[in-house]
PDB file of N, CA and C in Angstrom:
ATOM      1  N   MET A   1     -13.898 -63.088 -79.765  1.00  0.00           N
ATOM      2  CA  MET A   1     -13.736 -61.677 -79.627  1.00  0.00           C
ATOM      3  C   MET A   1     -12.840 -61.351 -78.375  1.00  0.00           C
ATOM      4  N   ILE A   2     -11.984 -60.386 -78.506  1.00  0.00           N
ATOM      5  CA  ILE A   2     -11.210 -59.947 -77.481  1.00  0.00           C
ATOM      6  C   ILE A   2     -11.383 -58.492 -77.211  1.00  0.00           C
ATOM      7  N   GLY A   3     -11.410 -58.057 -76.044  1.00  0.00           N
ATOM      8  CA  GLY A   3     -11.511 -56.560 -75.811  1.00  0.00           C
ATOM      9  C   GLY A   3     -10.402 -56.192 -74.790  1.00  0.00           C
ATOM     10  N   ASP A   4     -10.219 -54.876 -74.709  1.00  0.00           N
ATOM     11  CA  ASP A   4      -9.229 -54.312 -73.749  1.00  0.00           C
ATOM     12  C   ASP A   4      -9.928 -53.388 -72.745  1.00  0.00           C
ATOM     13  N   GLY A   5     -11.249 -53.486 -72.623  1.00  0.00           N
ATOM     14  CA  GLY A   5     -11.937 -52.635 -71.727  1.00  0.00           C
ATOM     15  C   GLY A   5     -12.465 -51.410 -72.378  1.00  0.00           C
ATOM     16  N   HIS A   6     -12.061 -51.054 -73.649  1.00  0.00           N
ATOM     17  CA  HIS A   6     -12.468 -49.948 -74.400  1.00  0.00           C
ATOM     18  C   HIS A   6     -12.851 -50.352 -75.882  1.00  0.00           C
ATOM     19  N   THR A   7     -12.127 -51.272 -76.453  1.00  0.00           N
ATOM     20  CA  THR A   7     -12.426 -51.670 -77.872  1.00  0.00           C
ATOM     21  C   THR A   7     -12.550 -53.209 -77.937  1.00  0.00           C
ATOM     22  N   THR A   8     -13.520 -53.606 -78.613  1.00  0.00           N
ATOM     23  CA  THR A   8     -13.677 -55.082 -78.902  1.00  0.00           C
ATOM     24  C   THR A   8     -13.229 -55.305 -80.244  1.00  0.00           C
ATOM     25  N   THR A   9     -12.452 -56.378 -80.512  1.00  0.00           N
ATOM     26  CA  THR A   9     -11.893 -56.702 -81.816  1.00  0.00           C
ATOM     27  C   THR A   9     -12.167 -58.088 -82.190  1.00  0.00           C
ATOM     28  N   LEU A  10     -12.194 -58.447 -83.509  1.00  0.00           N
ATOM     29  CA  LEU A  10     -12.397 -59.690 -84.046  1.00  0.00           C
ATOM     30  C   LEU A  10     -11.337 -59.856 -85.115  1.00  0.00           C
ATOM     31  N   ASN A  11     -10.396 -60.809 -84.979  1.00  0.00           N
ATOM     32  CA  ASN A  11      -9.382 -60.918 -85.937  1.00  0.00           C
ATOM     33  C   ASN A  11      -8.496 -59.698 -86.136  1.00  0.00           C
ATOM     34  N   GLY A  12      -8.342 -58.941 -85.077  1.00  0.00           N
ATOM     35  CA  GLY A  12      -7.531 -57.764 -85.029  1.00  0.00           C
ATOM     36  C   GLY A  12      -8.296 -56.468 -85.523  1.00  0.00           C
ATOM     37  N   ARG A  13      -9.508 -56.671 -85.983  1.00  0.00           N
ATOM     38  CA  ARG A  13     -10.260 -55.479 -86.462  1.00  0.00           C
ATOM     39  C   ARG A  13     -11.370 -55.059 -85.464  1.00  0.00           C
ATOM     40  N   PRO A  14     -11.472 -53.738 -85.246  1.00  0.00           N
ATOM     41  CA  PRO A  14     -12.499 -53.285 -84.290  1.00  0.00           C
ATOM     42  C   PRO A  14     -13.936 -53.739 -84.698  1.00  0.00           C
ATOM     43  N   VAL A  15     -14.718 -54.101 -83.638  1.00  0.00           N
ATOM     44  CA  VAL A  15     -16.059 -54.518 -83.879  1.00  0.00           C
ATOM     45  C   VAL A  15     -16.923 -53.296 -83.414  1.00  0.00           C
ATOM     46  N   ARG A  16     -17.921 -52.950 -84.178  1.00  0.00           N
ATOM     47  CA  ARG A  16     -18.785 -51.813 -83.835  1.00  0.00           C
ATOM     48  C   ARG A  16     -20.244 -52.162 -83.941  1.00  0.00           C
ATOM     49  N   THR A  17     -21.030 -51.407 -83.190  1.00  0.00           N
ATOM     50  CA  THR A  17     -22.478 -51.489 -83.193  1.00  0.00           C
ATOM     51  C   THR A  17     -23.002 -50.262 -83.926  1.00  0.00           C
ATOM     52  N   ARG A  18     -24.316 -50.288 -84.329  1.00  0.00           N
ATOM     53  CA  ARG A  18     -24.912 -49.184 -84.974  1.00  0.00           C
ATOM     54  C   ARG A  18     -24.997 -48.147 -83.873  1.00  0.00           C
ATOM     55  N   PRO A  19     -24.900 -46.872 -84.284  1.00  0.00           N
ATOM     56  CA  PRO A  19     -24.979 -45.798 -83.303  1.00  0.00           C
ATOM     57  C   PRO A  19     -26.436 -45.576 -82.809  1.00  0.00           C
ATOM     58  N   THR A  20     -26.571 -45.600 -81.437  1.00  0.00           N
ATOM     59  CA  THR A  20     -27.802 -45.386 -80.766  1.00  0.00           C
ATOM     60  C   THR A  20     -27.572 -44.503 -79.564  1.00  0.00           C
ATOM     61  N   ARG A  21     -28.250 -43.512 -79.444  1.00  0.00           N
ATOM     62  CA  ARG A  21     -28.053 -42.585 -78.294  1.00  0.00           C
ATOM     63  C   ARG A  21     -28.987 -42.887 -77.112  1.00  0.00           C
ATOM     64  N   ARG A  22     -30.118 -43.556 -77.375  1.00  0.00           N
ATOM     65  CA  ARG A  22     -31.003 -43.773 -76.259  1.00  0.00           C
ATOM     66  C   ARG A  22     -31.312 -45.255 -76.155  1.00  0.00           C
ATOM     67  N   LEU A  23     -31.459 -45.764 -74.947  1.00  0.00           N
ATOM     68  CA  LEU A  23     -31.807 -47.158 -74.774  1.00  0.00           C
ATOM     69  C   LEU A  23     -33.112 -47.490 -75.412  1.00  0.00           C
ATOM     70  N   GLU A  24     -34.022 -46.615 -75.497  1.00  0.00           N
ATOM     71  CA  GLU A  24     -35.310 -46.818 -76.029  1.00  0.00           C
ATOM     72  C   GLU A  24     -35.146 -47.126 -77.579  1.00  0.00           C
ATOM     73  N   GLU A  25     -34.056 -46.912 -78.230  1.00  0.00           N
ATOM     74  CA  GLU A  25     -33.751 -47.112 -79.589  1.00  0.00           C
ATOM     75  C   GLU A  25     -32.955 -48.445 -79.788  1.00  0.00           C
ATOM     76  N   ALA A  26     -32.553 -49.041 -78.739  1.00  0.00           N
ATOM     77  CA  ALA A  26     -31.530 -50.132 -78.796  1.00  0.00           C
ATOM     78  C   ALA A  26     -32.233 -51.497 -78.857  1.00  0.00           C
ATOM     79  N   THR A  27     -31.494 -52.434 -79.418  1.00  0.00           N
ATOM     80  CA  THR A  27     -31.881 -53.858 -79.382  1.00  0.00           C
ATOM     81  C   THR A  27     -31.053 -54.458 -78.373  1.00  0.00           C
ATOM     82  N   LEU A  28     -31.575 -55.223 -77.408  1.00  0.00           N
ATOM     83  CA  LEU A  28     -30.834 -55.892 -76.346  1.00  0.00           C
ATOM     84  C   LEU A  28     -30.889 -57.416 -76.592  1.00  0.00           C
ATOM     85  N   LEU A  29     -29.716 -57.864 -76.782  1.00  0.00           N
ATOM     86  CA  LEU A  29     -29.481 -59.388 -76.877  1.00  0.00           C
ATOM     87  C   LEU A  29     -28.844 -59.945 -75.662  1.00  0.00           C
ATOM     88  N   THR A  30     -29.483 -61.051 -75.243  1.00  0.00           N
ATOM     89  CA  THR A  30     -28.974 -61.637 -74.000  1.00  0.00           C
ATOM     90  C   THR A  30     -28.968 -63.133 -74.113  1.00  0.00           C
ATOM     91  N   SER A  31     -28.099 -63.860 -73.375  1.00  0.00           N
ATOM     92  CA  SER A  31     -28.035 -65.257 -73.495  1.00  0.00           C
ATOM     93  C   SER A  31     -29.100 -65.973 -72.773  1.00  0.00           C
ATOM     94  N   ASP A  32     -29.251 -65.741 -71.493  1.00  0.00           N
ATOM     95  CA  ASP A  32     -30.276 -66.452 -70.689  1.00  0.00           C
ATOM     96  C   ASP A  32     -30.766 -65.560 -69.525  1.00  0.00           C
ATOM     97  N   PRO A  33     -31.894 -64.929 -69.700  1.00  0.00           N
ATOM     98  CA  PRO A  33     -32.373 -63.987 -68.642  1.00  0.00           C
ATOM     99  C   PRO A  33     -32.801 -64.693 -67.395  1.00  0.00           C
ATOM    100  N   LEU A  34     -32.984 -65.982 -67.443  1.00  0.00           N
ATOM    101  CA  LEU A  34     -33.567 -66.784 -66.222  1.00  0.00           C
ATOM    102  C   LEU A  34     -32.486 -67.144 -65.254  1.00  0.00           C
ATOM    103  N   THR A  35     -31.253 -66.834 -65.578  1.00  0.00           N
ATOM    104  CA  THR A  35     -30.168 -67.288 -64.658  1.00  0.00           C
ATOM    105  C   THR A  35     -29.785 -66.205 -63.626  1.00  0.00           C
ATOM    106  N   ARG A  36     -30.482 -65.168 -63.666  1.00  0.00           N
ATOM    107  CA  ARG A  36     -30.164 -64.004 -62.774  1.00  0.00           C
ATOM    108  C   ARG A  36     -30.780 -64.213 -61.413  1.00  0.00           C
ATOM    109  N   THR A  37     -30.145 -63.617 -60.404  1.00  0.00           N
ATOM    110  CA  THR A  37     -30.703 -63.688 -59.040  1.00  0.00           C
ATOM    111  C   THR A  37     -31.767 -62.601 -58.908  1.00  0.00           C
ATOM    112  N   PRO A  38     -32.600 -62.655 -57.808  1.00  0.00           N
ATOM    113  CA  PRO A  38     -33.641 -61.585 -57.699  1.00  0.00           C
ATOM    114  C   PRO A  38     -33.220 -60.104 -57.734  1.00  0.00           C
ATOM    115  N   PRO A  39     -32.123 -59.755 -57.082  1.00  0.00           N
ATOM    116  CA  PRO A  39     -31.679 -58.302 -57.265  1.00  0.00           C
ATOM    117  C   PRO A  39     -31.313 -58.107 -58.734  1.00  0.00           C
ATOM    118  N   GLU A  40     -30.605 -59.011 -59.364  1.00  0.00           N
ATOM    119  CA  GLU A  40     -30.302 -58.800 -60.774  1.00  0.00           C
ATOM    120  C   GLU A  40     -31.489 -58.772 -61.632  1.00  0.00           C
ATOM    121  N   TRP A  41     -32.422 -59.686 -61.269  1.00  0.00           N
ATOM    122  CA  TRP A  41     -33.651 -59.715 -62.091  1.00  0.00           C
ATOM    123  C   TRP A  41     -34.447 -58.353 -62.171  1.00  0.00           C
ATOM    124  N   ARG A  42     -34.490 -57.706 -61.049  1.00  0.00           N
ATOM    125  CA  ARG A  42     -35.230 -56.372 -60.992  1.00  0.00           C
ATOM    126  C   ARG A  42     -34.532 -55.448 -61.877  1.00  0.00           C
ATOM    127  N   ALA A  43     -33.202 -55.384 -61.856  1.00  0.00           N
ATOM    128  CA  ALA A  43     -32.404 -54.468 -62.666  1.00  0.00           C
ATOM    129  C   ALA A  43     -32.563 -54.853 -64.152  1.00  0.00           C
ATOM    130  N   PHE A  44     -32.562 -56.166 -64.444  1.00  0.00           N
ATOM    131  CA  PHE A  44     -32.700 -56.621 -65.752  1.00  0.00           C
ATOM    132  C   PHE A  44     -34.035 -56.300 -66.353  1.00  0.00           C
ATOM    133  N   ALA A  45     -35.107 -56.526 -65.496  1.00  0.00           N
ATOM    134  CA  ALA A  45     -36.465 -56.189 -65.943  1.00  0.00           C
ATOM    135  C   ALA A  45     -36.670 -54.726 -66.268  1.00  0.00           C
ATOM    136  N   ALA A  46     -36.017 -53.823 -65.501  1.00  0.00           N
ATOM    137  CA  ALA A  46     -36.029 -52.467 -65.722  1.00  0.00           C
ATOM    138  C   ALA A  46     -35.317 -52.139 -67.041  1.00  0.00           C
ATOM    139  N   LEU A  47     -34.148 -52.771 -67.280  1.00  0.00           N
ATOM    140  CA  LEU A  47     -33.483 -52.602 -68.530  1.00  0.00           C
ATOM    141  C   LEU A  47     -34.297 -52.988 -69.741  1.00  0.00           C
ATOM    142  N   THR A  48     -34.925 -54.199 -69.627  1.00  0.00           N
ATOM    143  CA  THR A  48     -35.606 -54.662 -70.801  1.00  0.00           C
ATOM    144  C   THR A  48     -36.888 -53.886 -71.029  1.00  0.00           C
ATOM    145  N   ALA A  49     -37.493 -53.326 -69.999  1.00  0.00           N
ATOM    146  CA  ALA A  49     -38.695 -52.513 -70.233  1.00  0.00           C
ATOM    147  C   ALA A  49     -38.389 -51.246 -70.952  1.00  0.00           C
ATOM    148  N   ARG A  50     -37.147 -50.808 -70.970  1.00  0.00           N
ATOM    149  CA  ARG A  50     -36.745 -49.580 -71.769  1.00  0.00           C
ATOM    150  C   ARG A  50     -36.259 -49.798 -73.122  1.00  0.00           C
ATOM    151  N   ALA A  51     -35.701 -51.060 -73.306  1.00  0.00           N
ATOM    152  CA  ALA A  51     -35.150 -51.306 -74.680  1.00  0.00           C
ATOM    153  C   ALA A  51     -36.255 -51.362 -75.738  1.00  0.00           C
ATOM    154  N   LYS A  52     -35.873 -51.016 -76.982  1.00  0.00           N
ATOM    155  CA  LYS A  52     -36.815 -51.118 -78.062  1.00  0.00           C
ATOM    156  C   LYS A  52     -37.216 -52.515 -78.365  1.00  0.00           C
ATOM    157  N   LEU A  53     -36.241 -53.384 -78.387  1.00  0.00           N
ATOM    158  CA  LEU A  53     -36.480 -54.760 -78.732  1.00  0.00           C
ATOM    159  C   LEU A  53     -35.544 -55.660 -77.889  1.00  0.00           C
ATOM    160  N   VAL A  54     -36.020 -56.767 -77.366  1.00  0.00           N
ATOM    161  CA  VAL A  54     -35.248 -57.733 -76.581  1.00  0.00           C
ATOM    162  C   VAL A  54     -35.327 -59.071 -77.240  1.00  0.00           C
ATOM    163  N   ARG A  55     -34.212 -59.651 -77.447  1.00  0.00           N
ATOM    164  CA  ARG A  55     -34.120 -61.026 -77.983  1.00  0.00           C
ATOM    165  C   ARG A  55     -33.161 -61.774 -77.129  1.00  0.00           C
ATOM    166  N   THR A  56     -33.523 -63.192 -76.985  1.00  0.00           N
ATOM    167  CA  THR A  56     -32.735 -63.989 -76.126  1.00  0.00           C
ATOM    168  C   THR A  56     -31.809 -64.853 -76.929  1.00  0.00           C
ATOM    169  N   TRP A  57     -31.454 -66.067 -76.305  1.00  0.00           N
ATOM    170  CA  TRP A  57     -30.350 -66.935 -76.693  1.00  0.00           C
ATOM    171  C   TRP A  57     -30.391 -67.168 -78.259  1.00  0.00           C
ATOM    172  N   GLY A  58     -31.436 -67.678 -78.787  1.00  0.00           N
ATOM    173  CA  GLY A  58     -31.486 -68.015 -80.194  1.00  0.00           C
ATOM    174  C   GLY A  58     -31.118 -66.952 -81.192  1.00  0.00           C
ATOM    175  N   ASP A  59     -31.678 -65.719 -81.028  1.00  0.00           N
ATOM    176  CA  ASP A  59     -31.355 -64.556 -81.829  1.00  0.00           C
ATOM    177  C   ASP A  59     -29.900 -64.199 -81.509  1.00  0.00           C
ATOM    178  N   CYS A  60     -29.523 -64.103 -80.294  1.00  0.00           N
ATOM    179  CA  CYS A  60     -28.286 -63.674 -79.830  1.00  0.00           C
ATOM    180  C   CYS A  60     -27.109 -64.523 -80.534  1.00  0.00           C
ATOM    181  N   TYR A  61     -27.259 -65.818 -80.480  1.00  0.00           N
ATOM    182  CA  TYR A  61     -26.262 -66.674 -81.093  1.00  0.00           C
ATOM    183  C   TYR A  61     -26.279 -66.673 -82.498  1.00  0.00           C
ATOM    184  N   GLY A  62     -27.489 -66.438 -83.191  1.00  0.00           N
ATOM    185  CA  GLY A  62     -27.533 -66.343 -84.615  1.00  0.00           C
ATOM    186  C   GLY A  62     -26.882 -65.075 -85.035  1.00  0.00           C
ATOM    187  N   TYR A  63     -27.024 -63.970 -84.335  1.00  0.00           N
ATOM    188  CA  TYR A  63     -26.383 -62.727 -84.756  1.00  0.00           C
ATOM    189  C   TYR A  63     -24.846 -62.891 -84.553  1.00  0.00           C
ATOM    190  N   LEU A  64     -24.374 -63.560 -83.517  1.00  0.00           N
ATOM    191  CA  LEU A  64     -22.969 -63.828 -83.275  1.00  0.00           C
ATOM    192  C   LEU A  64     -22.420 -64.563 -84.481  1.00  0.00           C
ATOM    193  N   LEU A  65     -23.212 -65.528 -85.028  1.00  0.00           N
ATOM    194  CA  LEU A  65     -22.611 -66.342 -86.120  1.00  0.00           C
ATOM    195  C   LEU A  65     -22.441 -65.435 -87.350  1.00  0.00           C
ATOM    196  N   VAL A  66     -23.540 -64.595 -87.621  1.00  0.00           N
ATOM    197  CA  VAL A  66     -23.534 -63.670 -88.740  1.00  0.00           C
ATOM    198  C   VAL A  66     -22.300 -62.681 -88.562  1.00  0.00           C
ATOM    199  N   ALA A  67     -22.208 -62.082 -87.424  1.00  0.00           N
ATOM    200  CA  ALA A  67     -21.176 -61.074 -87.268  1.00  0.00           C
ATOM    201  C   ALA A  67     -19.785 -61.691 -87.387  1.00  0.00           C
ATOM    202  N   THR A  68     -19.612 -62.966 -87.042  1.00  0.00           N
ATOM    203  CA  THR A  68     -18.284 -63.548 -87.132  1.00  0.00           C
ATOM    204  C   THR A  68     -17.982 -64.268 -88.472  1.00  0.00           C
ATOM    205  N   GLY A  69     -19.057 -64.310 -89.370  1.00  0.00           N
ATOM    206  CA  GLY A  69     -18.735 -64.790 -90.660  1.00  0.00           C
ATOM    207  C   GLY A  69     -19.118 -66.282 -90.824  1.00  0.00           C
ATOM    208  N   TRP A  70     -19.708 -66.817 -89.770  1.00  0.00           N
ATOM    209  CA  TRP A  70     -20.084 -68.323 -89.931  1.00  0.00           C
ATOM    210  C   TRP A  70     -21.267 -68.455 -90.715  1.00  0.00           C
ATOM    211  N   PRO A  71     -21.377 -69.487 -91.500  1.00  0.00           N
ATOM    212  CA  PRO A  71     -22.660 -69.765 -92.329  1.00  0.00           C
ATOM    213  C   PRO A  71     -23.777 -70.104 -91.411  1.00  0.00           C
ATOM    214  N   THR A  72     -25.001 -69.580 -91.692  1.00  0.00           N
ATOM    215  CA  THR A  72     -26.114 -69.880 -90.786  1.00  0.00           C
ATOM    216  C   THR A  72     -27.112 -70.793 -91.639  1.00  0.00           C
TER     217      THR A  72
END
């Protein structure tokens, strides 16, 4: 995927997420939450506490495969 700071594209087509107005309605996907430093960890913990659902590497990578058309 490539982005210009405003739009993310895949094969020249814009990539979109489902519309969500509040963090409490959002699903947060992250690669590895354990690699953050203590100041980052506090901010990340606050973020994850507000998100509706948090998934890490396995789900994140699986959704990437689905979104990009790879067989799973």
